[in-house]
C-alpha atoms as a PDB file:
ATOM      1  CA  UNK A   1      59.983 -53.633  99.590  1.00  0.00           C
ATOM      2  CA  UNK A   2      60.832 -55.551 102.463  1.00  0.00           C
ATOM      3  CA  UNK A   3      57.667 -54.217 103.851  1.00  0.00           C
ATOM      4  CA  UNK A   4      55.867 -55.581 100.637  1.00  0.00           C
ATOM      5  CA  UNK A   5      57.593 -58.835 101.528  1.00  0.00           C
ATOM      6  CA  UNK A   6      56.374 -58.649 105.192  1.00  0.00           C
ATOM      7  CA  UNK A   7      52.931 -58.626 104.160  1.00  0.00           C
ATOM      8  CA  UNK A   8      53.037 -60.942 101.353  1.00  0.00           C
ATOM      9  CA  UNK A   9      55.630 -63.479 102.984  1.00  0.00           C
ATOM     10  CA  UNK A  10      52.844 -64.504 105.844  1.00  0.00           C
ATOM     11  CA  UNK A  11      50.192 -65.304 103.228  1.00  0.00           C
ATOM     12  CA  UNK A  12      50.335 -69.250 102.795  1.00  0.00           C
ATOM     13  CA  UNK A  13      48.255 -71.747 101.595  1.00  0.00           C
ATOM     14  CA  UNK A  14      48.888 -75.240 103.452  1.00  0.00           C
ATOM     15  CA  UNK A  15      48.854 -78.146 101.398  1.00  0.00           C
ATOM     16  CA  UNK A  16      47.938 -81.612 103.026  1.00  0.00           C
ATOM     17  CA  UNK A  17      50.780 -83.648 101.250  1.00  0.00           C
ATOM     18  CA  UNK A  18      53.546 -81.190 102.460  1.00  0.00           C
ATOM     19  CA  UNK A  19      55.065 -79.445 105.550  1.00  0.00           C
ATOM     20  CA  UNK A  20      56.039 -76.974 102.882  1.00  0.00           C
ATOM     21  CA  UNK A  21      53.222 -74.343 102.530  1.00  0.00           C
ATOM     22  CA  UNK A  22      52.675 -72.521  99.035  1.00  0.00           C
ATOM     23  CA  UNK A  23      53.932 -69.006 100.022  1.00  0.00           C
ATOM     24  CA  UNK A  24      54.102 -66.022  98.420  1.00  0.00           C
ATOM     25  CA  UNK A  25      57.507 -64.582  99.444  1.00  0.00           C
ATOM     26  CA  UNK A  26      59.288 -65.404  96.373  1.00  0.00           C
ATOM     27  CA  UNK A  27      56.653 -63.470  94.246  1.00  0.00           C
ATOM     28  CA  UNK A  28      57.886 -60.380  96.149  1.00  0.00           C
ATOM     29  CA  UNK A  29      61.475 -61.384  95.925  1.00  0.00           C
ATOM     30  CA  UNK A  30      60.517 -61.527  92.280  1.00  0.00           C
ATOM     31  CA  UNK A  31      59.131 -58.133  92.284  1.00  0.00           C
ATOM     32  CA  UNK A  32      61.697 -56.531  94.449  1.00  0.00           C
ATOM     33  CA  UNK A  33      64.856 -57.531  92.326  1.00  0.00           C
ATOM     34  CA  UNK A  34      63.059 -56.498  88.907  1.00  0.00           C
ATOM     35  CA  UNK A  35      62.271 -52.981  90.873  1.00  0.00           C
ATOM     36  CA  UNK A  36      65.446 -52.202  92.939  1.00  0.00           C
ATOM     37  CA  UNK A  37      68.262 -54.712  91.202  1.00  0.00           C
ATOM     38  CA  UNK A  38      70.108 -57.294  92.596  1.00  0.00           C
ATOM     39  CA  UNK A  39      71.951 -55.683  95.913  1.00  0.00           C
ATOM     40  CA  UNK A  40      68.847 -53.609  96.849  1.00  0.00           C
ATOM     41  CA  UNK A  41      66.830 -56.365  96.364  1.00  0.00           C
ATOM     42  CA  UNK A  42      68.818 -58.848  98.506  1.00  0.00           C
ATOM     43  CA  UNK A  43      69.454 -56.185 101.156  1.00  0.00           C
ATOM     44  CA  UNK A  44      65.342 -55.871 101.309  1.00  0.00           C
ATOM     45  CA  UNK A  45      65.119 -59.468 101.557  1.00  0.00           C
ATOM     46  CA  UNK A  46      67.674 -59.649 104.425  1.00  0.00           C
ATOM     47  CA  UNK A  47      65.714 -56.949 106.252  1.00  0.00           C
ATOM     48  CA  UNK A  48      62.719 -59.253 106.022  1.00  0.00           C
ATOM     49  CA  UNK A  49      64.702 -62.147 106.892  1.00  0.00           C
ATOM     50  CA  UNK A  50      65.596 -60.460 110.236  1.00  0.00           C
ATOM     51  CA  UNK A  51      62.566 -58.988 111.174  1.00  0.00           C
ATOM     52  CA  UNK A  52      60.921 -62.692 111.099  1.00  0.00           C
ATOM     53  CA  UNK A  53      64.020 -63.723 112.974  1.00  0.00           C
ATOM     54  CA  UNK A  54      63.559 -61.304 115.847  1.00  0.00           C
ATOM     55  CA  UNK A  55      60.064 -62.507 116.417  1.00  0.00           C
ATOM     56  CA  UNK A  56      57.827 -60.305 114.238  1.00  0.00           C
ATOM     57  CA  UNK A  57      55.315 -62.936 112.517  1.00  0.00           C
ATOM     58  CA  UNK A  58      56.189 -62.431 109.212  1.00  0.00           C
ATOM     59  CA  UNK A  59      57.012 -65.755 107.742  1.00  0.00           C
ATOM     60  CA  UNK A  60      54.372 -68.064 105.909  1.00  0.00           C
ATOM     61  CA  UNK A  61      51.437 -68.933 107.952  1.00  0.00           C
ATOM     62  CA  UNK A  62      52.565 -65.609 110.425  1.00  0.00           C
ATOM     63  CA  UNK A  63      55.522 -67.378 111.969  1.00  0.00           C
ATOM     64  CA  UNK A  64      58.307 -66.056 113.189  1.00  0.00           C
ATOM     65  CA  UNK A  65      61.721 -66.600 115.186  1.00  0.00           C
ATOM     66  CA  UNK A  66      64.925 -68.616 114.991  1.00  0.00           C
ATOM     67  CA  UNK A  67      62.846 -71.881 115.117  1.00  0.00           C
ATOM     68  CA  UNK A  68      61.362 -71.486 112.047  1.00  0.00           C
ATOM     69  CA  UNK A  69      64.728 -70.817 110.310  1.00  0.00           C
ATOM     70  CA  UNK A  70      66.291 -74.286 111.861  1.00  0.00           C
ATOM     71  CA  UNK A  71      63.210 -76.089 110.767  1.00  0.00           C
ATOM     72  CA  UNK A  72      61.966 -78.057 107.785  1.00  0.00           C
ATOM     73  CA  UNK A  73      61.316 -74.809 105.914  1.00  0.00           C
ATOM     74  CA  UNK A  74      64.419 -73.234 106.837  1.00  0.00           C
ATOM     75  CA  UNK A  75      66.236 -74.056 103.898  1.00  0.00           C
ATOM     76  CA  UNK A  76      63.871 -72.506 101.500  1.00  0.00           C
ATOM     77  CA  UNK A  77      63.790 -69.068 103.508  1.00  0.00           C
ATOM     78  CA  UNK A  78      67.920 -69.032 103.332  1.00  0.00           C
ATOM     79  CA  UNK A  79      67.719 -70.072  99.719  1.00  0.00           C
ATOM     80  CA  UNK A  80      66.095 -67.065  99.072  1.00  0.00           C
ATOM     81  CA  UNK A  81      68.721 -65.062  99.760  1.00  0.00           C
ATOM     82  CA  UNK A  82      70.533 -66.628  97.059  1.00  0.00           C
ATOM     83  CA  UNK A  83      67.360 -66.466  94.737  1.00  0.00           C
ATOM     84  CA  UNK A  84      67.177 -62.586  95.048  1.00  0.00           C
ATOM     85  CA  UNK A  85      71.158 -62.602  94.172  1.00  0.00           C
ATOM     86  CA  UNK A  86      70.890 -64.505  91.209  1.00  0.00           C
ATOM     87  CA  UNK A  87      67.778 -63.061  89.632  1.00  0.00           C
ATOM     88  CA  UNK A  88      68.881 -59.727  90.710  1.00  0.00           C
ATOM     89  CA  UNK A  89      72.476 -60.225  88.992  1.00  0.00           C
ATOM     90  CA  UNK A  90      70.235 -61.341  85.746  1.00  0.00           C
ATOM     91  CA  UNK A  91      68.181 -57.887  85.987  1.00  0.00           C
ATOM     92  CA  UNK A  92      71.310 -55.834  86.717  1.00  0.00           C
ATOM     93  CA  UNK A  93      73.596 -57.435  83.733  1.00  0.00           C
ATOM     94  CA  UNK A  94      70.460 -57.409  81.312  1.00  0.00           C
ATOM     95  CA  UNK A  95      68.190 -54.103  81.739  1.00  0.00           C
ATOM     96  CA  UNK A  96      65.035 -54.118  79.885  1.00  0.00           C
ATOM     97  CA  UNK A  97      65.527 -57.916  78.719  1.00  0.00           C
ATOM     98  CA  UNK A  98      62.330 -59.868  80.389  1.00  0.00           C
ATOM     99  CA  UNK A  99      63.860 -63.144  79.012  1.00  0.00           C
ATOM    100  CA  UNK A 100      66.800 -63.011  80.762  1.00  0.00           C
ATOM    101  CA  UNK A 101      64.768 -61.772  84.283  1.00  0.00           C
ATOM    102  CA  UNK A 102      62.674 -64.837  83.469  1.00  0.00           C
ATOM    103  CA  UNK A 103      66.007 -66.709  83.201  1.00  0.00           C
ATOM    104  CA  UNK A 104      67.361 -65.610  86.738  1.00  0.00           C
ATOM    105  CA  UNK A 105      64.545 -66.209  88.390  1.00  0.00           C
ATOM    106  CA  UNK A 106      64.543 -69.714  86.793  1.00  0.00           C
ATOM    107  CA  UNK A 107      68.096 -70.408  88.078  1.00  0.00           C
ATOM    108  CA  UNK A 108      67.557 -68.849  91.330  1.00  0.00           C
ATOM    109  CA  UNK A 109      64.521 -70.541  92.079  1.00  0.00           C
ATOM    110  CA  UNK A 110      66.440 -73.875  91.295  1.00  0.00           C
ATOM    111  CA  UNK A 111      69.219 -72.886  93.714  1.00  0.00           C
ATOM    112  CA  UNK A 112      66.294 -72.189  96.427  1.00  0.00           C
ATOM    113  CA  UNK A 113      64.636 -75.500  95.728  1.00  0.00           C
ATOM    114  CA  UNK A 114      68.022 -77.450  96.048  1.00  0.00           C
ATOM    115  CA  UNK A 115      68.955 -75.662  99.556  1.00  0.00           C
ATOM    116  CA  UNK A 116      65.495 -76.049 100.892  1.00  0.00           C
ATOM    117  CA  UNK A 117      65.182 -79.590  99.992  1.00  0.00           C
ATOM    118  CA  UNK A 118      68.471 -80.554 101.128  1.00  0.00           C
ATOM    119  CA  UNK A 119      67.375 -78.795 104.262  1.00  0.00           C
ATOM    120  CA  UNK A 120      64.169 -80.453 104.464  1.00  0.00           C
ATOM    121  CA  UNK A 121      65.214 -83.935 103.910  1.00  0.00           C
ATOM    122  CA  UNK A 122      67.751 -83.543 106.692  1.00  0.00           C
ATOM    123  CA  UNK A 123      65.280 -81.879 109.467  1.00  0.00           C
ATOM    124  CA  UNK A 124      62.525 -84.172 108.342  1.00  0.00           C
ATOM    125  CA  UNK A 125      64.620 -87.420 108.362  1.00  0.00           C
ATOM    126  CA  UNK A 126      63.362 -88.098 104.523  1.00  0.00           C
ATOM    127  CA  UNK A 127      65.112 -89.293 101.600  1.00  0.00           C
ATOM    128  CA  UNK A 128      66.095 -86.509  98.869  1.00  0.00           C
ATOM    129  CA  UNK A 129      63.577 -87.919  96.748  1.00  0.00           C
ATOM    130  CA  UNK A 130      60.751 -87.683  99.350  1.00  0.00           C
ATOM    131  CA  UNK A 131      61.814 -84.035 100.063  1.00  0.00           C
ATOM    132  CA  UNK A 132      61.764 -83.226  96.541  1.00  0.00           C
ATOM    133  CA  UNK A 133      58.232 -84.621  96.151  1.00  0.00           C
ATOM    134  CA  UNK A 134      57.181 -82.802  99.164  1.00  0.00           C
ATOM    135  CA  UNK A 135      58.895 -79.480  98.783  1.00  0.00           C
ATOM    136  CA  UNK A 136      59.193 -78.761  95.190  1.00  0.00           C
ATOM    137  CA  UNK A 137      57.375 -80.884  92.765  1.00  0.00           C
ATOM    138  CA  UNK A 138      54.036 -79.707  94.053  1.00  0.00           C
ATOM    139  CA  UNK A 139      55.276 -75.968  93.479  1.00  0.00           C
ATOM    140  CA  UNK A 140      56.738 -75.873  90.301  1.00  0.00           C
ATOM    141  CA  UNK A 141      53.755 -74.839  88.340  1.00  0.00           C
ATOM    142  CA  UNK A 142      52.713 -72.191  90.786  1.00  0.00           C
ATOM    143  CA  UNK A 143      56.495 -71.217  90.851  1.00  0.00           C
ATOM    144  CA  UNK A 144      56.228 -70.753  86.987  1.00  0.00           C
ATOM    145  CA  UNK A 145      53.283 -68.303  87.435  1.00  0.00           C
ATOM    146  CA  UNK A 146      54.594 -66.347  89.943  1.00  0.00           C
ATOM    147  CA  UNK A 147      57.548 -65.471  87.703  1.00  0.00           C
ATOM    148  CA  UNK A 148      55.526 -64.680  84.952  1.00  0.00           C
ATOM    149  CA  UNK A 149      53.222 -62.305  86.835  1.00  0.00           C
ATOM    150  CA  UNK A 150      56.397 -60.630  88.694  1.00  0.00           C
ATOM    151  CA  UNK A 151      57.895 -60.285  85.200  1.00  0.00           C
ATOM    152  CA  UNK A 152      54.980 -58.812  83.620  1.00  0.00           C
ATOM    153  CA  UNK A 153      53.759 -56.631  86.428  1.00  0.00           C
ATOM    154  CA  UNK A 154      57.411 -55.633  87.632  1.00  0.00           C
ATOM    155  CA  UNK A 155      58.405 -54.549  84.388  1.00  0.00           C
ATOM    156  CA  UNK A 156      55.268 -52.395  83.924  1.00  0.00           C
ATOM    157  CA  UNK A 157      55.506 -50.895  87.195  1.00  0.00           C
ATOM    158  CA  UNK A 158      59.066 -50.165  86.931  1.00  0.00           C
ATOM    159  CA  UNK A 159      58.656 -48.168  83.749  1.00  0.00           C
ATOM    160  CA  UNK A 160      55.764 -46.176  85.144  1.00  0.00           C
ATOM    161  CA  UNK A 161      57.927 -45.700  88.488  1.00  0.00           C
ATOM    162  CA  UNK A 162      61.025 -44.546  86.426  1.00  0.00           C
ATOM    163  CA  UNK A 163      59.156 -42.330  84.431  1.00  0.00           C
ATOM    164  CA  UNK A 164      57.661 -40.733  87.744  1.00  0.00           C
ATOM    165  CA  UNK A 165      61.084 -40.253  88.693  1.00  0.00           C
ATOM    166  CA  UNK A 166      61.365 -42.428  91.629  1.00  0.00           C
ATOM    167  CA  UNK A 167      63.884 -45.019  90.624  1.00  0.00           C
END
């Protein structure tokens, strides 16, 4: 699943109103925690983060390195750690309860938004409100769609993988 994140993570859509691109990293994390649970899902994301940190271009826009983590969007990359832990803990505590998966992903995403917005505000010399409108507001609907896709497909894929004896 770290490899899946390395494939989806660099794919991004730049929007002109924000330094934060639309990324598919969170979609990969949602899938990962549904399939593997909180602990393994978080470890997969940490492996992805390490791969990008050492210079392999797996972050959005095929970027990498410590400068990316310390740059304006680094708070979102770090926030994804907490998103994986929070969403994964809901998957672990409420197996098979899809509505709880959605709730966990929403809480995890909110924490990511908070950390990312605070860091964006600091790094880009924006007010918190400006950072919120640059780094969160344009992404809410898309992230809700990603949560729905990951929940529906992830739960179905997990059942098939379990039935096949791979999980």
